[in-house]
Every structure is written in structure tokens, then in C-alpha cells.
PDB file of N, CA and C in Angstrom:
ATOM      1  N   MET A   1     106.671  20.941  43.005  1.00  0.00           N
ATOM      2  CA  MET A   1     106.678  19.834  43.947  1.00  0.00           C
ATOM      3  C   MET A   1     107.982  19.900  44.737  1.00  0.00           C
ATOM      4  N   ILE A   2     107.865  19.793  46.055  1.00  0.00           N
ATOM      5  CA  ILE A   2     109.028  19.883  46.941  1.00  0.00           C
ATOM      6  C   ILE A   2     109.147  18.583  47.726  1.00  0.00           C
ATOM      7  N   LEU A   3     110.323  17.981  47.721  1.00  0.00           N
ATOM      8  CA  LEU A   3     110.590  16.764  48.463  1.00  0.00           C
ATOM      9  C   LEU A   3     111.214  17.143  49.794  1.00  0.00           C
ATOM     10  N   VAL A   4     110.615  16.697  50.887  1.00  0.00           N
ATOM     11  CA  VAL A   4     111.138  16.984  52.223  1.00  0.00           C
ATOM     12  C   VAL A   4     111.600  15.667  52.831  1.00  0.00           C
ATOM     13  N   THR A   5     112.908  15.557  53.066  1.00  0.00           N
ATOM     14  CA  THR A   5     113.448  14.350  53.688  1.00  0.00           C
ATOM     15  C   THR A   5     113.400  14.510  55.206  1.00  0.00           C
ATOM     16  N   GLY A   6     113.223  13.405  55.902  1.00  0.00           N
ATOM     17  CA  GLY A   6     113.102  13.462  57.353  1.00  0.00           C
ATOM     18  C   GLY A   6     111.834  14.173  57.776  1.00  0.00           C
ATOM     19  N   ALA A   7     110.784  14.020  56.997  1.00  0.00           N
ATOM     20  CA  ALA A   7     109.565  14.803  57.178  1.00  0.00           C
ATOM     21  C   ALA A   7     108.773  14.457  58.420  1.00  0.00           C
ATOM     22  N   ALA A   8     109.021  13.301  59.033  1.00  0.00           N
ATOM     23  CA  ALA A   8     108.263  12.928  60.223  1.00  0.00           C
ATOM     24  C   ALA A   8     108.958  13.361  61.510  1.00  0.00           C
ATOM     25  N   GLY A   9     110.110  13.995  61.381  1.00  0.00           N
ATOM     26  CA  GLY A   9     110.810  14.515  62.550  1.00  0.00           C
ATOM     27  C   GLY A   9     110.349  15.923  62.883  1.00  0.00           C
ATOM     28  N   TYR A  10     110.972  16.530  63.871  1.00  0.00           N
ATOM     29  CA  TYR A  10     110.554  17.846  64.355  1.00  0.00           C
ATOM     30  C   TYR A  10     110.665  18.922  63.267  1.00  0.00           C
ATOM     31  N   ILE A  11     111.842  19.090  62.707  1.00  0.00           N
ATOM     32  CA  ILE A  11     112.058  20.141  61.707  1.00  0.00           C
ATOM     33  C   ILE A  11     111.312  19.830  60.414  1.00  0.00           C
ATOM     34  N   GLY A  12     111.374  18.571  59.975  1.00  0.00           N
ATOM     35  CA  GLY A  12     110.701  18.181  58.738  1.00  0.00           C
ATOM     36  C   GLY A  12     109.196  18.359  58.806  1.00  0.00           C
ATOM     37  N   SER A  13     108.591  17.991  59.935  1.00  0.00           N
ATOM     38  CA  SER A  13     107.137  18.118  60.056  1.00  0.00           C
ATOM     39  C   SER A  13     106.709  19.580  60.086  1.00  0.00           C
ATOM     40  N   HIS A  14     107.488  20.432  60.730  1.00  0.00           N
ATOM     41  CA  HIS A  14     107.167  21.853  60.727  1.00  0.00           C
ATOM     42  C   HIS A  14     107.341  22.449  59.329  1.00  0.00           C
ATOM     43  N   THR A  15     108.348  21.990  58.606  1.00  0.00           N
ATOM     44  CA  THR A  15     108.559  22.449  57.233  1.00  0.00           C
ATOM     45  C   THR A  15     107.401  22.033  56.339  1.00  0.00           C
ATOM     46  N   ILE A  16     106.976  20.777  56.447  1.00  0.00           N
ATOM     47  CA  ILE A  16     105.838  20.280  55.669  1.00  0.00           C
ATOM     48  C   ILE A  16     104.588  21.104  55.963  1.00  0.00           C
ATOM     49  N   CYS A  17     104.319  21.369  57.244  1.00  0.00           N
ATOM     50  CA  CYS A  17     103.128  22.153  57.623  1.00  0.00           C
ATOM     51  C   CYS A  17     103.198  23.574  57.064  1.00  0.00           C
ATOM     52  N   MET A  18     104.383  24.193  57.125  1.00  0.00           N
ATOM     53  CA  MET A  18     104.555  25.543  56.603  1.00  0.00           C
ATOM     54  C   MET A  18     104.328  25.567  55.089  1.00  0.00           C
ATOM     55  N   LEU A  19     104.902  24.602  54.372  1.00  0.00           N
ATOM     56  CA  LEU A  19     104.708  24.529  52.924  1.00  0.00           C
ATOM     57  C   LEU A  19     103.243  24.297  52.585  1.00  0.00           C
ATOM     58  N   ASN A  20     102.580  23.464  53.365  1.00  0.00           N
ATOM     59  CA  ASN A  20     101.165  23.179  53.166  1.00  0.00           C
ATOM     60  C   ASN A  20     100.328  24.451  53.334  1.00  0.00           C
ATOM     61  N   GLU A  21     100.634  25.237  54.364  1.00  0.00           N
ATOM     62  CA  GLU A  21      99.923  26.495  54.607  1.00  0.00           C
ATOM     63  C   GLU A  21     100.143  27.505  53.480  1.00  0.00           C
ATOM     64  N   LEU A  22     101.326  27.448  52.862  1.00  0.00           N
ATOM     65  CA  LEU A  22     101.651  28.357  51.760  1.00  0.00           C
ATOM     66  C   LEU A  22     101.078  27.879  50.430  1.00  0.00           C
ATOM     67  N   GLY A  23     100.433  26.716  50.445  1.00  0.00           N
ATOM     68  CA  GLY A  23      99.821  26.193  49.228  1.00  0.00           C
ATOM     69  C   GLY A  23     100.793  25.479  48.306  1.00  0.00           C
ATOM     70  N   LYS A  24     101.955  25.120  48.804  1.00  0.00           N
ATOM     71  CA  LYS A  24     102.953  24.413  47.997  1.00  0.00           C
ATOM     72  C   LYS A  24     102.704  22.917  48.075  1.00  0.00           C
ATOM     73  N   LYS A  25     102.842  22.228  46.954  1.00  0.00           N
ATOM     74  CA  LYS A  25     102.708  20.771  46.934  1.00  0.00           C
ATOM     75  C   LYS A  25     104.031  20.169  47.386  1.00  0.00           C
ATOM     76  N   SER A  26     103.954  19.182  48.257  1.00  0.00           N
ATOM     77  CA  SER A  26     105.170  18.558  48.744  1.00  0.00           C
ATOM     78  C   SER A  26     104.950  17.065  48.944  1.00  0.00           C
ATOM     79  N   ILE A  27     106.062  16.338  48.976  1.00  0.00           N
ATOM     80  CA  ILE A  27     106.067  14.904  49.247  1.00  0.00           C
ATOM     81  C   ILE A  27     107.009  14.686  50.424  1.00  0.00           C
ATOM     82  N   ALA A  28     106.565  13.879  51.371  1.00  0.00           N
ATOM     83  CA  ALA A  28     107.367  13.574  52.550  1.00  0.00           C
ATOM     84  C   ALA A  28     108.079  12.244  52.360  1.00  0.00           C
ATOM     85  N   ILE A  29     109.347  12.190  52.752  1.00  0.00           N
ATOM     86  CA  ILE A  29     110.083  10.929  52.721  1.00  0.00           C
ATOM     87  C   ILE A  29     110.718  10.739  54.096  1.00  0.00           C
ATOM     88  N   ASP A  30     110.536   9.544  54.648  1.00  0.00           N
ATOM     89  CA  ASP A  30     111.069   9.256  55.981  1.00  0.00           C
ATOM     90  C   ASP A  30     111.040   7.749  56.199  1.00  0.00           C
ATOM     91  N   ASN A  31     111.881   7.263  57.101  1.00  0.00           N
ATOM     92  CA  ASN A  31     111.858   5.846  57.459  1.00  0.00           C
ATOM     93  C   ASN A  31     111.168   5.612  58.797  1.00  0.00           C
ATOM     94  N   LEU A  32     110.706   6.665  59.432  1.00  0.00           N
ATOM     95  CA  LEU A  32     109.994   6.627  60.710  1.00  0.00           C
ATOM     96  C   LEU A  32     110.828   5.996  61.821  1.00  0.00           C
ATOM     97  N   TYR A  33     112.143   6.059  61.709  1.00  0.00           N
ATOM     98  CA  TYR A  33     113.026   5.537  62.754  1.00  0.00           C
ATOM     99  C   TYR A  33     112.884   6.354  64.036  1.00  0.00           C
ATOM    100  N   SER A  34     112.945   7.676  63.895  1.00  0.00           N
ATOM    101  CA  SER A  34     112.797   8.523  65.082  1.00  0.00           C
ATOM    102  C   SER A  34     111.667   9.544  64.915  1.00  0.00           C
ATOM    103  N   GLY A  35     110.937   9.465  63.806  1.00  0.00           N
ATOM    104  CA  GLY A  35     109.812  10.364  63.573  1.00  0.00           C
ATOM    105  C   GLY A  35     108.493   9.628  63.754  1.00  0.00           C
ATOM    106  N   HIS A  36     107.403  10.340  63.551  1.00  0.00           N
ATOM    107  CA  HIS A  36     106.075   9.767  63.752  1.00  0.00           C
ATOM    108  C   HIS A  36     105.172  10.102  62.579  1.00  0.00           C
ATOM    109  N   ARG A  37     104.362   9.142  62.149  1.00  0.00           N
ATOM    110  CA  ARG A  37     103.443   9.348  61.021  1.00  0.00           C
ATOM    111  C   ARG A  37     102.444  10.453  61.328  1.00  0.00           C
ATOM    112  N   TRP A  38     102.026  10.565  62.587  1.00  0.00           N
ATOM    113  CA  TRP A  38     101.025  11.579  62.943  1.00  0.00           C
ATOM    114  C   TRP A  38     101.569  13.002  62.811  1.00  0.00           C
ATOM    115  N   ALA A  39     102.882  13.154  62.678  1.00  0.00           N
ATOM    116  CA  ALA A  39     103.473  14.490  62.546  1.00  0.00           C
ATOM    117  C   ALA A  39     103.304  15.068  61.141  1.00  0.00           C
ATOM    118  N   ILE A  40     102.910  14.226  60.189  1.00  0.00           N
ATOM    119  CA  ILE A  40     102.725  14.665  58.803  1.00  0.00           C
ATOM    120  C   ILE A  40     101.233  14.784  58.532  1.00  0.00           C
ATOM    121  N   PRO A  41     100.776  15.915  57.979  1.00  0.00           N
ATOM    122  CA  PRO A  41      99.347  16.064  57.671  1.00  0.00           C
ATOM    123  C   PRO A  41      98.838  14.940  56.776  1.00  0.00           C
ATOM    124  N   LYS A  42      97.588  14.559  56.949  1.00  0.00           N
ATOM    125  CA  LYS A  42      96.997  13.429  56.221  1.00  0.00           C
ATOM    126  C   LYS A  42      96.978  13.629  54.706  1.00  0.00           C
ATOM    127  N   ASP A  43      96.913  14.876  54.245  1.00  0.00           N
ATOM    128  CA  ASP A  43      96.827  15.122  52.808  1.00  0.00           C
ATOM    129  C   ASP A  43      98.191  15.145  52.109  1.00  0.00           C
ATOM    130  N   ILE A  44      99.260  14.879  52.855  1.00  0.00           N
ATOM    131  CA  ILE A  44     100.613  14.849  52.293  1.00  0.00           C
ATOM    132  C   ILE A  44     101.014  13.398  52.046  1.00  0.00           C
ATOM    133  N   GLU A  45     101.526  13.124  50.852  1.00  0.00           N
ATOM    134  CA  GLU A  45     101.979  11.785  50.507  1.00  0.00           C
ATOM    135  C   GLU A  45     103.264  11.459  51.275  1.00  0.00           C
ATOM    136  N   LEU A  46     103.303  10.285  51.907  1.00  0.00           N
ATOM    137  CA  LEU A  46     104.492   9.839  52.634  1.00  0.00           C
ATOM    138  C   LEU A  46     105.119   8.665  51.892  1.00  0.00           C
ATOM    139  N   VAL A  47     106.383   8.795  51.554  1.00  0.00           N
ATOM    140  CA  VAL A  47     107.152   7.711  50.951  1.00  0.00           C
ATOM    141  C   VAL A  47     108.084   7.189  52.036  1.00  0.00           C
ATOM    142  N   MET A  48     107.925   5.900  52.372  1.00  0.00           N
ATOM    143  CA  MET A  48     108.749   5.305  53.414  1.00  0.00           C
ATOM    144  C   MET A  48     109.854   4.460  52.788  1.00  0.00           C
ATOM    145  N   PHE A  49     110.996   4.405  53.445  1.00  0.00           N
ATOM    146  CA  PHE A  49     112.113   3.582  52.989  1.00  0.00           C
ATOM    147  C   PHE A  49     112.745   2.909  54.187  1.00  0.00           C
ATOM    148  N   LYS A  50     113.539   1.889  53.929  1.00  0.00           N
ATOM    149  CA  LYS A  50     114.235   1.180  55.008  1.00  0.00           C
ATOM    150  C   LYS A  50     115.698   1.459  54.965  1.00  0.00           C
TER     151      LYS A  50
END
């Protein structure tokens, strides 16, 4: 399991997609301040914080 911080931003979302393509399980963490929920694939768990 890989935790990706800032996963809804540009670099984080590309990292999540790459890990997903490689078959790695990952969890996204972001506060969506400057990122977007649509940038994270639907099958990836998103943990939001304030």
C-alpha cells in the first residue's frame, strides 16, 4: 500500500495513475485546496483533511 500526499494535484494525480496502471494499491490524501477530485481515479480511496 502506497500513500500519495497531494494526490489531487498535477504531480500527485499522475503518480496515482501510474501506480494504478502498474497494479499497485495506493491511497490518496489531499485537502483539495488547489487540486480536484476528478483528477483521482474513482477506484482510488481519497482521504481528505482540513
